[in-house]
Amino acid sequence: MGSQGTPQLQIFLNSPILKMLLRLALPNMVAIITMTAIIIADASYIGRLGTVELASLALVFPFQSLMQMMAAGAIGGGITSSVSRALGRNRQTEAEEAAWHGFLIVIMMSVLYTIILGIFCGPVLSLFDASNEVVDGAIIYSRILFGAAAVGWVFFFLCSILRAIGEILLLSRIIIVSSLVQIILSGALTLGLGPLPSLGIAGPALAMVFCHGITTIYMLILILKGSFEFRLRPYPFKLLTLYDIMKVGGIGLINSSAIALTVIVVTRIIGSYGTSALAGYGLGSRLEIMVIPIAFGIGGVLTPAVGANFGANQFGRARNIAWTGCGLSAIFTGLIGIVFATVPNLWLDQFTSDPAAYEYGALYLGIVAPLYGLFGGGMALYFASQGTGHMVIPVSLSLLRLIVVGTVGFLSIQLSWGLSTVFGSVAIGLGIIGIGMGLNMFSPTWRPKATASLDSIGFRAQ
């Protein structure tokens, strides 16, 4: 069944696996790393303003990460999975229907974010045990970023479409240019460069909204003018099409929530230790959450590649793609973890000169960063699993991680345990993801019969 489709689809179905992944994943990794550099740059700019501003950024960062994980990894992954599986079956209309239904989901999600974290961000952020100054700064950032949540959601939606149809190289170029412009603009708006005034903590949020908005318009023009053999247009609502997306994207929202909630729980615990502890942990956890986008650089290729091969009933090839991507991700993220665990000043010195904040950040990296390779490999397999259309086990692992970290955090407060114990539970959580996702590769989900019908792989012909 590997003879149909566009040349881009043929790469997923027939090209040598390692060659295919290196050709597509490396540019995608560069693009995602460039997006990740925005996180580093923003922290560096805000760090020059002071520890209070840095703590404000740490306070809102889990919610910002949650939106990006939901838009790009959960709902975006569900859209990519559904579209790519339909294309693997050589059903163009079903793929376009999935894209339209995905767009409707994205609009709904963006409205929720605007209401909860844009309009009513004050009550939400006030739940944290942080000073009024820290909360006030976080509210300024949140109102700008989440007030324009639709911009970010549609940006990631269009990225998921280009990824699903195999236009990964083009998407990589678009993201790289957009991210570099955002880094420059963020610094100019935060610190005040040239004719631009210093807007403080509002600078990074404004830069993100502007750059995502311009990039979204450009990608939308490419799709609507017919640059690809794929159309984005209204289709009648079909519950089964919605289900095909949400069985991956909907349960993926639970996964994204569990990841962000894990960080929020730890952030809430550490907030009671003071502003310096919160700032130091924010720098350490910021590096951890960056591992997810790096794994997504490879995983963003694994989802459509596995999806197309599952749609074409090439299950053995899909498994080989997943394992190869896992190995590549573990190598890249593992090296990052080892380097910064061994020499934490390479990371921390870029953002703070506060000795107390540095001490907490170094403690975190020394305990948690050595597990990044295991976590990165597991996350790559998570994105690969999206292509199968079955996500119960992967999401269950994230919930188990949340339970472990939350339980230890609660006991730490009740029994006055030190922060090293809390950080140790975070490291155990990373191991749960890596080992659990590896074991999931041997489950029936990944080993359906070669003669399986379309219904058995999660989609009924309409």
Protein backbone atom coordinates (compact mmCIF):
# COMPACT_ATOMS: atom_id res chain seq x y z
CA MET A 1 0.00 0.00 0.00
CA GLY A 2 3.02 2.27 -0.26
CA SER A 3 2.48 3.37 -3.86
CA GLN A 4 -0.11 6.11 -3.33
CA GLY A 5 0.16 9.73 -2.35
CA THR A 6 2.39 12.73 -2.91
CA PRO A 7 6.19 12.61 -3.04
CA GLN A 8 6.23 13.92 0.54
CA LEU A 9 4.03 11.02 1.65
CA GLN A 10 6.22 8.55 -0.21
CA ILE A 11 9.15 9.58 1.98
CA PHE A 12 7.20 8.39 5.05
CA LEU A 13 6.13 5.15 3.40
CA ASN A 14 9.17 3.99 1.43
CA SER A 15 12.41 5.85 2.19
CA PRO A 16 15.16 4.21 4.30
CA ILE A 17 14.21 4.97 7.88
CA LEU A 18 17.42 6.48 9.23
CA LYS A 19 17.91 8.55 6.08
CA MET A 20 14.31 9.76 6.28
CA LEU A 21 14.56 10.73 9.93
CA LEU A 22 17.88 12.51 9.52
CA ARG A 23 16.62 14.37 6.45
CA LEU A 24 13.42 15.55 8.15
CA ALA A 25 14.12 15.45 11.87
CA LEU A 26 17.40 17.36 11.88
CA PRO A 27 15.94 20.48 10.19
CA ASN A 28 12.88 20.13 12.41
CA MET A 29 15.14 19.88 15.45
CA VAL A 30 16.95 23.05 14.39
CA ALA A 31 13.58 24.76 14.08
CA ILE A 32 12.38 23.57 17.49
CA ILE A 33 15.72 24.41 19.10
CA THR A 34 15.39 27.89 17.62
CA MET A 35 11.95 28.14 19.20
CA THR A 36 13.49 26.88 22.43
CA ALA A 37 16.13 29.60 22.19
CA ILE A 38 13.25 32.06 22.61
CA ILE A 39 12.70 30.65 26.10
CA ILE A 40 16.37 31.10 26.95
CA ALA A 41 16.50 34.60 25.49
CA ASP A 42 13.35 35.74 27.29
CA ALA A 43 14.70 34.48 30.63
CA SER A 44 17.99 36.27 29.94
CA TYR A 45 16.27 39.56 29.14
CA ILE A 46 13.96 39.35 32.15
CA GLY A 47 16.84 38.29 34.39
CA ARG A 48 18.47 41.67 33.75
CA LEU A 49 15.42 43.37 35.24
CA GLY A 50 15.75 41.59 38.59
CA THR A 51 14.85 38.52 40.64
CA VAL A 52 11.23 39.60 41.16
CA GLU A 53 10.62 39.81 37.41
CA LEU A 54 12.36 36.47 36.91
CA ALA A 55 10.07 34.91 39.53
CA SER A 56 7.04 36.43 37.74
CA LEU A 57 8.13 34.73 34.53
CA ALA A 58 8.59 31.43 36.41
CA LEU A 59 5.08 31.77 37.82
CA VAL A 60 3.35 32.07 34.44
CA PHE A 61 5.69 29.76 32.54
CA PRO A 62 3.83 26.50 33.37
CA PHE A 63 0.62 27.94 31.89
CA GLN A 64 2.44 29.17 28.79
CA SER A 65 4.00 25.73 28.39
CA LEU A 66 0.60 24.11 28.93
CA MET A 67 -0.94 26.06 26.05
CA GLN A 68 1.93 25.22 23.74
CA MET A 69 1.86 21.54 24.70
CA MET A 70 -1.89 21.38 24.18
CA ALA A 71 -1.86 23.29 20.89
CA ALA A 72 1.23 21.68 19.35
CA GLY A 73 1.52 18.33 21.10
CA ALA A 74 -2.01 17.30 22.10
CA ILE A 75 -4.62 18.75 19.74
CA GLY A 76 -1.95 19.41 17.11
CA GLY A 77 -0.77 15.82 17.44
CA GLY A 78 -4.33 14.56 17.11
CA ILE A 79 -4.81 16.58 13.93
CA THR A 80 -1.50 15.41 12.48
CA SER A 81 -2.31 11.81 13.35
CA SER A 82 -5.80 11.87 11.84
CA VAL A 83 -4.73 13.65 8.65
CA SER A 84 -1.64 11.50 8.09
CA ARG A 85 -3.50 8.22 8.70
CA ALA A 86 -6.15 9.28 6.16
CA LEU A 87 -3.46 10.19 3.64
CA GLY A 88 -1.77 6.83 4.27
CA ARG A 89 -5.07 5.20 3.27
CA ASN A 90 -5.07 7.42 0.16
CA ARG A 91 -8.26 9.22 1.25
CA GLN A 92 -7.76 12.90 0.52
CA THR A 93 -11.28 14.04 1.39
CA GLU A 94 -11.15 12.39 4.82
CA ALA A 95 -7.82 14.12 5.48
CA GLU A 96 -9.27 17.52 4.58
CA GLU A 97 -12.35 16.87 6.71
CA ALA A 98 -10.07 16.08 9.64
CA ALA A 99 -8.19 19.35 9.10
CA TRP A 100 -11.41 21.38 9.14
CA HIS A 101 -12.72 19.69 12.27
CA GLY A 102 -9.32 20.30 13.87
CA PHE A 103 -9.66 24.01 13.10
CA LEU A 104 -13.01 24.12 14.89
CA ILE A 105 -11.47 22.46 17.95
CA VAL A 106 -8.61 24.96 17.96
CA ILE A 107 -10.96 27.95 17.92
CA MET A 108 -12.92 26.54 20.85
CA MET A 109 -9.75 25.89 22.88
CA SER A 110 -8.40 29.38 22.22
CA VAL A 111 -11.62 30.93 23.57
CA LEU A 112 -11.26 28.93 26.79
CA TYR A 113 -7.68 30.11 27.26
CA THR A 114 -8.63 33.72 26.62
CA ILE A 115 -11.37 33.60 29.25
CA ILE A 116 -9.53 31.63 31.96
CA LEU A 117 -5.94 32.86 31.65
CA GLY A 118 -6.45 36.11 29.76
CA ILE A 119 -9.46 37.74 31.42
CA PHE A 120 -9.42 35.95 34.79
CA CYS A 121 -5.67 35.37 35.18
CA GLY A 122 -5.54 37.42 38.40
CA PRO A 123 -7.49 34.96 40.60
CA VAL A 124 -5.63 31.99 39.04
CA LEU A 125 -2.13 33.36 39.61
CA SER A 126 -3.03 34.58 43.09
CA LEU A 127 -3.44 30.94 44.14
CA PHE A 128 0.35 30.63 44.23
CA ASP A 129 2.28 31.39 47.39
CA ALA A 130 4.20 34.31 45.88
CA SER A 131 4.59 37.98 46.76
CA ASN A 132 2.20 40.59 45.35
CA GLU A 133 4.98 42.03 43.20
CA VAL A 134 5.65 38.64 41.61
CA VAL A 135 1.95 38.02 40.96
CA ASP A 136 1.44 41.50 39.47
CA GLY A 137 4.22 40.94 36.94
CA ALA A 138 2.81 37.54 35.99
CA ILE A 139 -0.64 39.09 35.44
CA ILE A 140 0.76 41.64 32.97
CA TYR A 141 2.44 38.88 30.94
CA SER A 142 -0.59 36.59 31.09
CA ARG A 143 -3.13 39.17 29.94
CA ILE A 144 -1.13 39.92 26.82
CA LEU A 145 -0.22 36.36 25.85
CA PHE A 146 -3.48 34.61 26.68
CA GLY A 147 -5.64 37.54 25.70
CA ALA A 148 -4.46 36.76 22.17
CA ALA A 149 -4.57 32.98 22.64
CA ALA A 150 -6.25 32.46 19.26
CA VAL A 151 -3.09 33.64 17.52
CA GLY A 152 -0.97 30.96 19.17
CA TRP A 153 -3.54 28.19 18.72
CA VAL A 154 -4.03 28.85 14.99
CA PHE A 155 -0.25 29.10 14.55
CA PHE A 156 0.26 25.60 15.96
CA PHE A 157 -2.77 24.28 14.04
CA LEU A 158 -1.25 25.30 10.72
CA CYS A 159 2.07 23.80 11.79
CA SER A 160 0.31 20.48 12.44
CA ILE A 161 -1.25 20.54 8.95
CA LEU A 162 2.07 21.19 7.20
CA ARG A 163 3.65 18.44 9.27
CA ALA A 164 0.87 15.95 8.42
CA ILE A 165 1.16 16.49 4.66
CA GLY A 166 4.94 16.07 4.76
CA GLU A 167 5.98 19.71 4.30
CA ILE A 168 8.36 19.47 7.24
CA LEU A 169 11.34 21.09 5.54
CA LEU A 170 9.28 24.14 4.56
CA LEU A 171 7.79 24.33 8.04
CA SER A 172 11.28 24.19 9.56
CA ARG A 173 12.41 27.18 7.51
CA ILE A 174 9.32 29.15 8.48
CA ILE A 175 9.76 28.46 12.18
CA ILE A 176 13.47 29.30 12.15
CA VAL A 177 12.92 32.72 10.56
CA SER A 178 9.96 33.53 12.80
CA SER A 179 11.82 32.50 15.96
CA LEU A 180 14.93 34.52 15.16
CA VAL A 181 12.82 37.62 14.57
CA GLN A 182 10.99 37.00 17.84
CA ILE A 183 14.24 36.74 19.80
CA ILE A 184 15.41 40.10 18.47
CA LEU A 185 12.05 41.79 18.95
CA SER A 186 11.65 40.40 22.47
CA GLY A 187 14.97 41.87 23.56
CA ALA A 188 14.17 45.21 21.97
CA LEU A 189 10.75 45.46 23.63
CA THR A 190 11.90 44.16 27.03
CA LEU A 191 15.06 46.25 27.47
CA GLY A 192 14.32 49.13 25.13
CA LEU A 193 16.61 49.19 22.12
CA GLY A 194 16.78 51.95 19.56
CA PRO A 195 13.50 53.85 19.25
CA LEU A 196 11.58 51.16 21.15
CA PRO A 197 10.70 51.82 24.81
CA SER A 198 11.49 49.40 27.62
CA LEU A 199 8.26 47.52 28.34
CA GLY A 200 9.72 45.18 30.95
CA ILE A 201 7.98 41.85 31.42
CA ALA A 202 5.36 42.75 28.79
CA GLY A 203 8.05 42.70 26.08
CA PRO A 204 8.40 38.93 25.53
CA ALA A 205 4.62 38.43 25.47
CA LEU A 206 4.08 41.16 22.88
CA ALA A 207 6.90 39.83 20.72
CA MET A 208 5.41 36.32 20.72
CA VAL A 209 1.92 37.49 19.79
CA PHE A 210 3.25 39.66 16.96
CA CYS A 211 5.57 37.05 15.43
CA HIS A 212 3.06 34.21 15.72
CA GLY A 213 0.46 36.44 14.11
CA ILE A 214 2.58 37.34 11.09
CA THR A 215 3.73 33.73 10.62
CA THR A 216 0.16 32.46 10.87
CA ILE A 217 -0.97 34.79 8.11
CA TYR A 218 1.89 33.62 5.87
CA MET A 219 1.16 29.90 6.38
CA LEU A 220 -2.55 30.45 5.86
CA ILE A 221 -1.90 32.23 2.55
CA LEU A 222 0.27 29.33 1.36
CA ILE A 223 -2.46 26.79 2.10
CA LEU A 224 -5.41 28.80 0.79
CA LYS A 225 -3.77 29.77 -2.49
CA GLY A 226 -3.20 26.09 -3.32
CA SER A 227 0.54 25.76 -2.87
CA PHE A 228 0.03 22.14 -1.76
CA GLU A 229 -2.18 19.25 -2.86
CA PHE A 230 -4.32 19.89 0.19
CA ARG A 231 -7.25 22.23 0.80
CA LEU A 232 -8.51 23.83 3.99
CA ARG A 233 -12.21 24.53 3.57
CA PRO A 234 -15.49 23.98 5.46
CA TYR A 235 -16.95 20.49 5.60
CA PRO A 236 -20.21 19.27 7.18
CA PHE A 237 -19.78 18.32 10.80
CA LYS A 238 -19.18 14.59 11.36
CA LEU A 239 -18.97 13.21 14.88
CA LEU A 240 -16.76 10.31 13.79
CA THR A 241 -14.20 12.69 12.27
CA LEU A 242 -14.16 14.67 15.50
CA TYR A 243 -13.69 11.44 17.45
CA ASP A 244 -10.75 10.38 15.28
CA ILE A 245 -8.93 13.58 16.25
CA MET A 246 -9.95 13.66 19.89
CA LYS A 247 -9.12 10.04 20.64
CA VAL A 248 -5.54 11.25 20.28
CA GLY A 249 -5.81 14.99 20.88
CA GLY A 250 -8.48 14.85 23.58
CA ILE A 251 -6.69 12.33 25.75
CA GLY A 252 -3.50 14.20 24.88
CA LEU A 253 -4.97 17.21 26.69
CA ILE A 254 -4.89 15.10 29.83
CA ASN A 255 -1.22 14.37 29.18
CA SER A 256 -0.40 18.04 28.63
CA SER A 257 -2.33 18.97 31.76
CA ALA A 258 -0.51 16.30 33.76
CA ILE A 259 2.90 17.56 32.60
CA ALA A 260 2.08 21.19 33.34
CA LEU A 261 0.32 20.32 36.60
CA THR A 262 3.40 18.43 37.72
CA VAL A 263 5.43 21.62 37.27
CA ILE A 264 2.69 23.71 38.92
CA VAL A 265 2.59 21.41 41.95
CA VAL A 266 6.35 21.62 42.41
CA THR A 267 6.25 25.40 41.80
CA ARG A 268 3.58 25.76 44.49
CA ILE A 269 5.70 23.80 46.96
CA ILE A 270 8.88 25.72 46.24
CA GLY A 271 7.09 29.07 46.45
CA SER A 272 6.93 28.58 50.20
CA TYR A 273 10.74 28.52 50.34
CA GLY A 274 11.05 32.12 49.13
CA THR A 275 11.55 34.16 45.97
CA SER A 276 15.15 33.03 45.38
CA ALA A 277 14.15 29.37 45.59
CA LEU A 278 11.30 29.97 43.14
CA ALA A 279 13.57 31.81 40.73
CA GLY A 280 16.28 29.13 40.92
CA TYR A 281 13.81 26.31 40.40
CA GLY A 282 12.24 28.23 37.52
CA LEU A 283 15.60 28.28 35.74
CA GLY A 284 16.17 24.58 36.36
CA SER A 285 12.68 23.45 35.34
CA ARG A 286 12.86 25.70 32.30
CA LEU A 287 15.69 23.51 31.01
CA GLU A 288 13.64 20.37 31.73
CA ILE A 289 10.60 21.60 29.83
CA MET A 290 12.91 22.50 26.95
CA VAL A 291 13.68 18.80 26.58
CA ILE A 292 10.10 18.29 25.38
CA PRO A 293 10.45 20.64 22.38
CA ILE A 294 13.78 19.04 21.51
CA ALA A 295 12.16 15.59 21.61
CA PHE A 296 9.35 17.08 19.56
CA GLY A 297 11.90 18.02 16.90
CA ILE A 298 12.15 14.29 16.25
CA GLY A 299 8.66 13.41 17.46
CA GLY A 300 7.13 15.92 15.07
CA VAL A 301 8.37 13.66 12.27
CA LEU A 302 7.48 10.43 14.07
CA THR A 303 3.77 11.28 14.41
CA PRO A 304 3.01 11.69 10.68
CA ALA A 305 5.51 8.98 9.67
CA VAL A 306 3.98 6.40 12.01
CA GLY A 307 0.48 7.63 11.16
CA ALA A 308 1.00 7.25 7.41
CA ASN A 309 2.46 3.77 7.85
CA PHE A 310 -0.35 2.67 10.17
CA GLY A 311 -2.84 3.97 7.62
CA ALA A 312 -1.04 1.91 4.96
CA ASN A 313 -0.92 -1.20 7.23
CA GLN A 314 2.91 -1.09 7.34
CA PHE A 315 3.08 -1.77 11.07
CA GLY A 316 6.58 -3.26 11.22
CA ARG A 317 8.02 -0.23 9.47
CA ALA A 318 6.12 2.03 11.88
CA ARG A 319 7.73 0.29 14.88
CA ASN A 320 11.20 0.59 13.37
CA ILE A 321 10.63 4.29 12.77
CA ALA A 322 9.56 4.75 16.40
CA TRP A 323 12.59 2.93 17.85
CA THR A 324 15.03 4.80 15.62
CA GLY A 325 13.52 8.13 16.61
CA CYS A 326 13.65 7.13 20.26
CA GLY A 327 17.37 6.42 20.02
CA LEU A 328 18.12 9.73 18.32
CA SER A 329 16.10 11.68 20.88
CA ALA A 330 17.74 9.91 23.83
CA ILE A 331 21.18 10.79 22.49
CA PHE A 332 20.47 14.49 21.98
CA THR A 333 18.57 15.09 25.22
CA GLY A 334 20.91 12.86 27.22
CA LEU A 335 23.93 14.91 26.19
CA ILE A 336 22.16 18.09 27.28
CA GLY A 337 21.35 16.60 30.66
CA ILE A 338 24.87 15.33 31.31
CA VAL A 339 26.50 18.63 30.33
CA PHE A 340 24.31 20.86 32.50
CA ALA A 341 24.25 18.46 35.44
CA THR A 342 28.03 18.44 35.41
CA VAL A 343 28.57 22.14 34.71
CA PRO A 344 25.38 23.96 35.84
CA ASN A 345 27.00 27.38 35.61
CA LEU A 346 26.94 27.09 31.81
CA TRP A 347 23.17 27.46 32.13
CA LEU A 348 22.55 29.38 35.33
CA ASP A 349 25.15 32.11 34.84
CA GLN A 350 23.25 33.27 31.77
CA PHE A 351 20.23 34.30 33.82
CA THR A 352 21.05 35.23 37.41
CA SER A 353 23.76 36.57 39.69
CA ASP A 354 21.76 35.85 42.84
CA PRO A 355 23.84 33.28 44.83
CA ALA A 356 20.77 31.78 46.49
CA ALA A 357 18.87 31.37 43.21
CA TYR A 358 21.98 29.82 41.68
CA GLU A 359 22.29 27.32 44.54
CA TYR A 360 18.73 26.07 44.13
CA GLY A 361 19.04 25.89 40.36
CA ALA A 362 22.28 23.91 40.57
CA LEU A 363 20.75 21.49 43.08
CA TYR A 364 17.85 20.85 40.75
CA LEU A 365 20.04 20.25 37.69
CA GLY A 366 22.39 17.96 39.58
CA ILE A 367 19.54 15.66 40.61
CA VAL A 368 17.17 15.80 37.62
CA ALA A 369 19.22 16.54 34.50
CA PRO A 370 20.99 13.12 34.37
CA LEU A 371 17.57 11.57 33.58
CA TYR A 372 16.92 13.81 30.56
CA GLY A 373 18.07 11.18 28.08
CA LEU A 374 15.62 8.61 29.39
CA PHE A 375 12.85 11.21 29.41
CA GLY A 376 13.70 12.44 25.90
CA GLY A 377 13.58 8.94 24.46
CA GLY A 378 10.26 8.32 26.16
CA MET A 379 8.79 11.56 24.84
CA ALA A 380 9.82 10.64 21.29
CA LEU A 381 7.91 7.37 21.70
CA TYR A 382 4.96 9.35 23.02
CA PHE A 383 4.79 11.37 19.81
CA ALA A 384 5.25 8.20 17.78
CA SER A 385 2.31 6.65 19.66
CA GLN A 386 0.12 9.52 18.50
CA GLY A 387 0.50 8.17 14.98
CA THR A 388 -1.07 4.86 16.05
CA GLY A 389 -4.25 6.55 17.20
CA HIS A 390 -4.08 4.90 20.66
CA MET A 391 -2.92 6.96 23.65
CA VAL A 392 -4.37 5.44 26.83
CA ILE A 393 -1.13 3.86 28.09
CA PRO A 394 1.12 6.88 27.28
CA VAL A 395 -1.22 9.28 29.06
CA SER A 396 -1.59 6.92 32.02
CA LEU A 397 2.18 7.12 32.49
CA SER A 398 2.00 10.91 32.71
CA LEU A 399 -0.72 10.65 35.33
CA LEU A 400 1.41 8.18 37.31
CA ARG A 401 4.27 10.66 37.16
CA LEU A 402 1.99 13.40 38.50
CA ILE A 403 0.82 11.19 41.36
CA VAL A 404 4.39 10.32 42.39
CA VAL A 405 5.59 13.94 42.34
CA GLY A 406 2.42 15.25 44.00
CA THR A 407 2.55 12.67 46.78
CA VAL A 408 6.18 13.34 47.61
CA GLY A 409 5.54 17.10 47.46
CA PHE A 410 2.65 16.80 49.92
CA LEU A 411 4.73 14.70 52.29
CA SER A 412 7.61 17.17 51.98
CA ILE A 413 5.40 19.95 53.29
CA GLN A 414 3.89 17.85 56.05
CA LEU A 415 7.19 16.30 57.20
CA SER A 416 9.48 19.28 56.45
CA TRP A 417 11.64 17.35 53.98
CA GLY A 418 14.31 19.22 52.08
CA LEU A 419 14.10 20.34 48.46
CA SER A 420 16.47 17.58 47.38
CA THR A 421 13.72 15.06 48.15
CA VAL A 422 11.22 16.97 46.00
CA PHE A 423 13.74 17.17 43.17
CA GLY A 424 14.42 13.45 43.53
CA SER A 425 10.73 12.71 42.93
CA VAL A 426 10.89 14.80 39.75
CA ALA A 427 13.79 12.64 38.54
CA ILE A 428 11.83 9.46 39.31
CA GLY A 429 8.95 10.88 37.29
CA LEU A 430 11.19 11.30 34.25
CA GLY A 431 12.25 7.68 34.60
CA ILE A 432 8.61 6.56 34.69
CA ILE A 433 8.03 8.19 31.29
CA GLY A 434 11.14 6.73 29.67
CA ILE A 435 10.84 3.17 30.93
CA GLY A 436 7.05 3.05 30.61
CA MET A 437 7.00 4.25 27.00
CA GLY A 438 9.66 1.70 26.10
CA LEU A 439 7.57 -1.13 27.55
CA ASN A 440 4.50 0.21 25.71
CA MET A 441 6.21 -0.58 22.40
CA PHE A 442 5.61 -4.28 23.13
CA SER A 443 1.87 -3.85 23.70
CA PRO A 444 -0.84 -4.95 21.21
CA THR A 445 -1.31 -1.32 20.19
CA TRP A 446 1.98 -1.45 18.31
CA ARG A 447 1.48 -4.96 16.98
CA PRO A 448 -1.87 -5.19 15.19
CA LYS A 449 -2.37 -7.93 12.63
CA ALA A 450 -1.19 -7.07 9.14
CA THR A 451 -4.65 -7.84 7.80
CA ALA A 452 -6.34 -5.46 10.27
CA SER A 453 -9.31 -3.54 8.98
CA LEU A 454 -9.53 0.21 9.10
CA ASP A 455 -11.93 -0.06 12.02
CA SER A 456 -9.38 -1.96 14.11
CA ILE A 457 -6.82 0.80 13.74
CA GLY A 458 -9.24 3.42 14.88
CA PHE A 459 -11.14 4.83 11.90
CA ARG A 460 -14.31 3.77 10.15
CA ALA A 461 -14.75 4.78 6.52
CA GLN A 462 -17.42 7.40 6.14
